[in-house]
Amino acid sequence: MRVGQLGTGRMGTAIARRLIDAGHQVTVWNRTAAKAGLLVGQGAVRAATLAELAACPVVFVSVSSSEDLLAVLDPGDGLLSAADGGLRTVVDCSTVAVDASAAARELCARAGVAFLAAPISGNPEVVGSGRACLVASGPADTFSDVEPLLRAVGRIVVHAGEREQARLVKLAHNLYLGALAQALVEVTTLVEKAGTDRRAFLDFLGNAVVGSEWVRQRTPDLADRDWTPTFTGVLLRKDLDLGLAAAREHQVPMPVVSMVHQLVQQAIGHGHGEKDLLALYEIQAAAAGLADHQSPSLDDPQPHERNT
């Protein structure tokens, strides 16, 4: 099937690779054209214009923010300006606000294009290995049409509703992730200060009844204080902002998540914003007075991203 990929950052690249590996003909476009070069070398076709991308019946979108989503779809000069070129369905895998998703759906409807919200649980490495989970929302027939493509991207695909339900499901997932990360660094700091080896504790916890695949996967990074980003503090803060806004709208108290939001802000203020979210450990360890930890300098070098 001819499939488009709009946005070839780390996540967009991982999605496109999955589609290529599944045998689909993938056309890619990115605002910075050079970022699509790696995919071209792996079998994708680079679209010179959005009009060329819109010739694909289905286009996946992966961008960083609500504003970016609406900008790339813009009927004036974005993807939807060439919607009559063959485009039938937009599948948006970004993590964006519910109102932005609704606005994007309306823009697509006016252009005669179906829209499916399909955010992903899993960082680019998880997506690349086929272990990601997708939650989708939109008309049932649209979901059925593109479900085989979604299953090429992730191992689990769930249809959550007809409108924007997938957005809040994904935001709730990331709120939980933030709380989980903070809880993990707190208990790790406690046992470490009391004299237990950090790696030994994490090996135990990851395989205990409360353990999880995520804890097991992240144990080497936390044990080695390797903050190479899988999901940065800045991106987590964005999702906490969106999730807490939704909680206010629905009159749902979220005391734990609200506290985590401030701790993430503290980590960002100390120069950890572009590092992995588990760099929350550095703030916790410094606050606990561990001997070999100090509050980081704003001039600390930032780590390189993982290869995906």
Protein backbone atom coordinates (compact mmCIF):
# COMPACT_ATOMS: atom_id res chain seq x y z
CA MET A 1 0.00 0.00 0.00
CA ARG A 2 1.17 3.56 -0.66
CA VAL A 3 1.57 5.27 2.70
CA GLY A 4 2.88 8.72 3.60
CA GLN A 5 4.83 9.75 6.69
CA LEU A 6 4.77 13.43 7.62
CA GLY A 7 7.46 14.18 10.20
CA THR A 8 10.68 12.18 10.34
CA GLY A 9 11.96 12.91 13.81
CA ARG A 10 12.84 9.99 16.06
CA MET A 11 9.26 8.73 16.37
CA GLY A 12 8.26 9.41 12.76
CA THR A 13 11.36 7.60 11.55
CA ALA A 14 10.55 4.56 13.68
CA ILE A 15 6.96 4.47 12.36
CA ALA A 16 8.13 4.74 8.75
CA ARG A 17 10.66 1.96 9.23
CA ARG A 18 7.97 -0.36 10.57
CA LEU A 19 5.80 0.36 7.53
CA ILE A 20 8.72 -0.17 5.15
CA ASP A 21 9.61 -3.45 6.83
CA ALA A 22 5.98 -4.56 6.44
CA GLY A 23 6.34 -4.14 2.68
CA HIS A 24 4.49 -0.86 2.16
CA GLN A 25 5.58 1.85 -0.28
CA VAL A 26 6.40 4.75 2.03
CA THR A 27 6.75 8.37 0.97
CA VAL A 28 8.23 10.75 3.55
CA TRP A 29 8.24 14.51 4.05
CA ASN A 30 9.83 16.64 6.72
CA ARG A 31 10.14 20.41 7.10
CA THR A 32 13.90 19.90 7.35
CA ALA A 33 14.36 17.73 4.28
CA ALA A 34 17.76 16.38 5.32
CA LYS A 35 16.18 14.53 8.26
CA ALA A 36 14.38 12.25 5.82
CA GLY A 37 17.61 11.13 4.18
CA LEU A 38 18.15 8.05 6.36
CA LEU A 39 14.72 6.67 5.45
CA VAL A 40 15.34 7.27 1.76
CA GLY A 41 18.42 5.11 2.10
CA GLN A 42 16.22 2.38 3.58
CA GLY A 43 13.70 2.34 0.76
CA ALA A 44 11.42 5.32 1.30
CA VAL A 45 10.69 7.96 -1.34
CA ARG A 46 11.20 11.59 -0.36
CA ALA A 47 8.36 13.95 -1.29
CA ALA A 48 9.63 17.32 -2.45
CA THR A 49 6.31 18.96 -1.58
CA LEU A 50 3.29 18.31 0.58
CA ALA A 51 1.29 17.93 -2.61
CA GLU A 52 3.42 14.91 -3.50
CA LEU A 53 2.83 13.48 -0.03
CA ALA A 54 -0.92 14.04 -0.37
CA ALA A 55 -0.95 11.69 -3.35
CA CYS A 56 -0.74 8.84 -0.79
CA PRO A 57 -4.17 7.51 0.26
CA VAL A 58 -3.08 7.32 3.92
CA VAL A 59 -0.64 9.71 5.60
CA PHE A 60 0.74 9.17 9.10
CA VAL A 61 1.67 12.32 11.03
CA SER A 62 4.15 12.55 13.89
CA VAL A 63 4.91 16.06 15.18
CA SER A 64 5.90 17.57 18.51
CA SER A 65 3.00 19.80 19.49
CA SER A 66 -0.63 20.78 18.97
CA GLU A 67 0.48 23.89 17.09
CA ASP A 68 2.66 21.83 14.76
CA LEU A 69 -0.21 19.46 13.96
CA LEU A 70 -2.56 22.26 12.93
CA ALA A 71 0.21 23.97 10.96
CA VAL A 72 1.14 20.92 8.88
CA LEU A 73 -2.52 20.20 8.10
CA ASP A 74 -3.38 23.82 7.24
CA PRO A 75 -5.81 23.92 4.26
CA GLY A 76 -4.02 27.00 2.93
CA ASP A 77 -0.48 25.70 2.58
CA GLY A 78 -0.32 22.42 4.50
CA LEU A 79 -1.16 18.83 3.68
CA LEU A 80 -4.88 19.48 3.25
CA SER A 81 -4.22 22.13 0.61
CA ALA A 82 -3.59 19.20 -1.76
CA ALA A 83 -6.23 16.86 -0.36
CA ASP A 84 -7.72 16.30 -3.81
CA GLY A 85 -4.53 14.54 -4.91
CA GLY A 86 -5.66 11.17 -3.57
CA LEU A 87 -5.46 11.62 0.20
CA ARG A 88 -8.25 9.72 2.00
CA THR A 89 -7.13 9.39 5.62
CA VAL A 90 -4.82 11.19 8.05
CA VAL A 91 -3.54 9.06 10.96
CA ASP A 92 -2.06 11.30 13.63
CA CYS A 93 0.32 9.59 16.07
CA SER A 94 1.35 12.77 17.90
CA THR A 95 0.57 13.48 21.55
CA VAL A 96 -1.54 16.64 21.40
CA ALA A 97 -4.33 18.37 23.30
CA VAL A 98 -7.90 17.16 22.91
CA ASP A 99 -9.09 20.50 21.51
CA ALA A 100 -6.28 20.53 18.93
CA SER A 101 -7.24 17.01 17.88
CA ALA A 102 -10.88 18.08 17.48
CA ALA A 103 -9.77 21.08 15.42
CA ALA A 104 -7.62 18.83 13.22
CA ARG A 105 -10.54 16.46 12.73
CA GLU A 106 -12.72 19.38 11.64
CA LEU A 107 -10.10 20.63 9.18
CA CYS A 108 -9.90 17.17 7.65
CA ALA A 109 -13.68 16.83 7.46
CA ARG A 110 -13.96 20.11 5.56
CA ALA A 111 -11.40 18.80 3.07
CA GLY A 112 -13.26 15.49 2.68
CA VAL A 113 -10.54 13.51 4.47
CA ALA A 114 -11.04 11.03 7.32
CA PHE A 115 -9.05 11.57 10.52
CA LEU A 116 -7.89 9.02 13.06
CA ALA A 117 -6.16 9.95 16.30
CA ALA A 118 -3.66 7.18 17.03
CA PRO A 119 -1.08 8.14 19.68
CA ILE A 120 1.58 5.59 20.58
CA SER A 121 2.75 4.16 23.88
CA GLY A 122 6.45 3.46 23.52
CA ASN A 123 9.59 5.40 22.72
CA PRO A 124 11.18 5.12 19.25
CA GLU A 125 13.26 2.11 20.30
CA VAL A 126 10.13 0.31 21.46
CA VAL A 127 8.34 1.19 18.22
CA GLY A 128 11.30 0.04 16.17
CA SER A 129 11.29 -3.37 17.84
CA GLY A 130 7.55 -3.83 17.25
CA ARG A 131 6.58 -3.67 20.93
CA ALA A 132 4.56 -0.44 20.87
CA CYS A 133 0.89 -0.08 21.76
CA LEU A 134 -1.48 2.23 19.86
CA VAL A 135 -4.79 3.63 21.04
CA ALA A 136 -6.96 5.00 18.26
CA SER A 137 -10.17 6.99 18.10
CA GLY A 138 -12.30 8.06 15.18
CA PRO A 139 -15.09 6.56 13.07
CA ALA A 140 -15.20 2.77 13.25
CA ASP A 141 -15.01 2.37 9.48
CA THR A 142 -11.92 4.61 9.32
CA PHE A 143 -10.29 2.53 12.04
CA SER A 144 -11.11 -0.70 10.18
CA ASP A 145 -9.62 0.66 6.95
CA VAL A 146 -6.24 1.48 8.47
CA GLU A 147 -6.06 -1.16 11.22
CA PRO A 148 -3.66 -3.37 9.20
CA LEU A 149 -1.25 -0.42 8.96
CA LEU A 150 -1.55 0.26 12.67
CA ARG A 151 -0.77 -3.37 13.41
CA ALA A 152 2.34 -3.08 11.28
CA VAL A 153 3.50 -0.32 13.61
CA GLY A 154 2.60 -1.79 17.03
CA ARG A 155 1.81 -5.11 18.69
CA ILE A 156 -1.36 -3.87 20.41
CA VAL A 157 -4.00 -1.68 18.75
CA VAL A 158 -7.11 -0.54 20.65
CA HIS A 159 -10.08 1.45 19.34
CA ALA A 160 -11.18 3.73 22.19
CA GLY A 161 -14.09 5.65 20.64
CA GLU A 162 -15.44 7.70 17.78
CA ARG A 163 -13.97 11.13 18.61
CA GLU A 164 -10.95 12.26 20.69
CA GLN A 165 -10.89 9.59 23.41
CA ALA A 166 -7.46 8.35 22.33
CA ARG A 167 -5.89 11.70 23.18
CA LEU A 168 -6.93 11.63 26.81
CA VAL A 169 -6.04 7.94 27.10
CA LYS A 170 -2.49 8.72 25.92
CA LEU A 171 -2.20 11.75 28.19
CA ALA A 172 -3.37 9.65 31.15
CA HIS A 173 -0.71 7.10 30.20
CA ASN A 174 1.98 9.77 30.32
CA LEU A 175 0.73 11.19 33.61
CA TYR A 176 1.09 7.72 35.05
CA LEU A 177 4.56 7.40 33.51
CA GLY A 178 5.66 10.63 35.21
CA ALA A 179 4.35 9.48 38.59
CA LEU A 180 5.94 6.05 38.10
CA ALA A 181 9.33 7.57 37.25
CA GLN A 182 9.28 9.83 40.30
CA ALA A 183 8.24 6.96 42.60
CA LEU A 184 11.04 4.82 41.18
CA VAL A 185 13.77 7.40 41.79
CA GLU A 186 12.47 8.07 45.31
CA VAL A 187 12.59 4.46 46.49
CA THR A 188 15.91 3.90 44.71
CA THR A 189 17.41 6.89 46.50
CA LEU A 190 16.10 5.62 49.85
CA VAL A 191 17.70 2.19 49.66
CA GLU A 192 20.88 3.57 48.13
CA LYS A 193 21.40 6.05 50.95
CA ALA A 194 20.79 3.24 53.44
CA GLY A 195 23.64 1.26 51.88
CA THR A 196 22.09 -0.95 49.19
CA ASP A 197 23.65 -1.13 45.75
CA ARG A 198 21.42 0.71 43.27
CA ARG A 199 21.58 -1.99 40.60
CA ALA A 200 20.87 -4.79 43.06
CA PHE A 201 17.73 -3.03 44.25
CA LEU A 202 16.51 -2.36 40.71
CA ASP A 203 17.12 -5.99 39.70
CA PHE A 204 15.02 -7.08 42.65
CA LEU A 205 12.24 -4.57 42.06
CA GLY A 206 11.96 -5.24 38.34
CA ASN A 207 11.32 -8.92 38.95
CA ALA A 208 9.15 -8.57 42.05
CA VAL A 209 5.36 -8.70 42.04
CA VAL A 210 5.19 -4.91 41.53
CA GLY A 211 7.82 -4.99 38.81
CA SER A 212 7.15 -4.32 35.13
CA GLU A 213 8.77 -4.62 31.73
CA TRP A 214 9.40 -0.87 31.81
CA VAL A 215 11.32 -1.06 35.11
CA ARG A 216 13.37 -3.98 33.80
CA GLN A 217 14.18 -2.14 30.57
CA ARG A 218 15.19 1.03 32.37
CA THR A 219 17.25 -0.64 35.12
CA PRO A 220 20.61 -0.36 33.27
CA ASP A 221 20.03 3.34 32.56
CA LEU A 222 19.13 4.25 36.13
CA ALA A 223 21.83 2.03 37.58
CA ASP A 224 24.47 3.68 35.35
CA ARG A 225 22.96 7.18 35.53
CA ASP A 226 22.71 7.15 31.75
CA TRP A 227 20.29 9.94 30.83
CA THR A 228 20.42 9.41 27.08
CA PRO A 229 16.86 10.44 26.20
CA THR A 230 14.08 8.02 25.43
CA PHE A 231 11.50 10.62 26.56
CA THR A 232 12.80 13.99 27.73
CA GLY A 233 11.82 16.04 30.73
CA VAL A 234 10.63 18.83 28.43
CA LEU A 235 8.29 16.49 26.57
CA LEU A 236 7.02 15.05 29.85
CA ARG A 237 6.31 18.56 31.15
CA LYS A 238 4.29 19.29 27.99
CA ASP A 239 2.12 16.23 28.57
CA LEU A 240 1.73 17.00 32.28
CA ASP A 241 0.54 20.48 31.31
CA LEU A 242 -2.02 19.02 28.88
CA GLY A 243 -3.16 16.30 31.28
CA LEU A 244 -3.63 18.65 34.22
CA ALA A 245 -5.59 21.03 31.98
CA ALA A 246 -7.90 18.13 31.08
CA ALA A 247 -8.24 17.26 34.76
CA ARG A 248 -9.34 20.81 35.52
CA GLU A 249 -11.85 20.71 32.69
CA HIS A 250 -13.38 17.48 34.02
CA GLN A 251 -13.13 18.53 37.69
CA VAL A 252 -10.81 15.65 38.60
CA PRO A 253 -8.31 16.25 41.44
CA MET A 254 -4.80 14.98 40.69
CA PRO A 255 -2.63 15.72 43.75
CA VAL A 256 0.15 13.23 42.95
CA VAL A 257 0.50 14.29 39.31
CA SER A 258 0.46 17.95 40.33
CA MET A 259 3.42 17.35 42.64
CA VAL A 260 5.29 15.43 39.95
CA HIS A 261 4.71 18.35 37.57
CA GLN A 262 6.61 20.63 39.93
CA LEU A 263 9.44 18.12 40.39
CA VAL A 264 9.81 17.81 36.62
CA GLN A 265 9.91 21.60 36.43
CA GLN A 266 12.64 21.59 39.05
CA ALA A 267 14.68 19.07 37.04
CA ILE A 268 14.30 21.21 33.93
CA GLY A 269 15.35 24.29 35.89
CA HIS A 270 18.53 22.45 36.90
CA GLY A 271 19.47 21.76 33.29
CA HIS A 272 17.97 18.30 32.79
CA GLY A 273 15.21 19.26 30.35
CA GLU A 274 16.67 17.55 27.29
CA LYS A 275 17.83 14.49 29.20
CA ASP A 276 15.77 11.39 29.87
CA LEU A 277 12.92 11.74 32.35
CA LEU A 278 14.79 9.43 34.75
CA ALA A 279 17.21 12.29 35.34
CA LEU A 280 14.65 13.09 38.05
CA TYR A 281 16.96 10.83 40.06
CA GLU A 282 19.65 13.52 40.12
CA ILE A 283 17.32 15.97 41.83
CA GLN A 284 16.10 13.34 44.30
CA ALA A 285 19.61 12.13 45.15
CA ALA A 286 20.90 15.66 45.67
CA ALA A 287 17.91 16.47 47.90
CA ALA A 288 18.65 13.35 49.95
CA GLY A 289 22.28 14.39 50.43
CA LEU A 290 23.90 11.41 48.78
CA ALA A 291 27.61 12.06 49.00
CA ASP A 292 28.48 11.82 45.31
CA HIS A 293 25.57 13.92 44.07
CA GLN A 294 25.31 17.65 43.74
CA SER A 295 22.73 19.87 42.15
CA PRO A 296 23.68 19.90 38.44
CA SER A 297 24.99 22.95 36.69
CA LEU A 298 23.03 24.61 33.91
CA ASP A 299 26.23 24.27 31.87
CA ASP A 300 26.30 20.46 32.11
CA PRO A 301 26.72 18.97 28.63
CA GLN A 302 23.61 17.35 27.17
CA PRO A 303 23.80 13.67 26.19
CA HIS A 304 23.49 12.42 22.64
CA GLU A 305 20.19 10.84 21.65
CA ARG A 306 19.98 7.07 21.34
CA ASN A 307 20.33 5.65 17.88
CA THR A 308 17.00 4.31 16.70
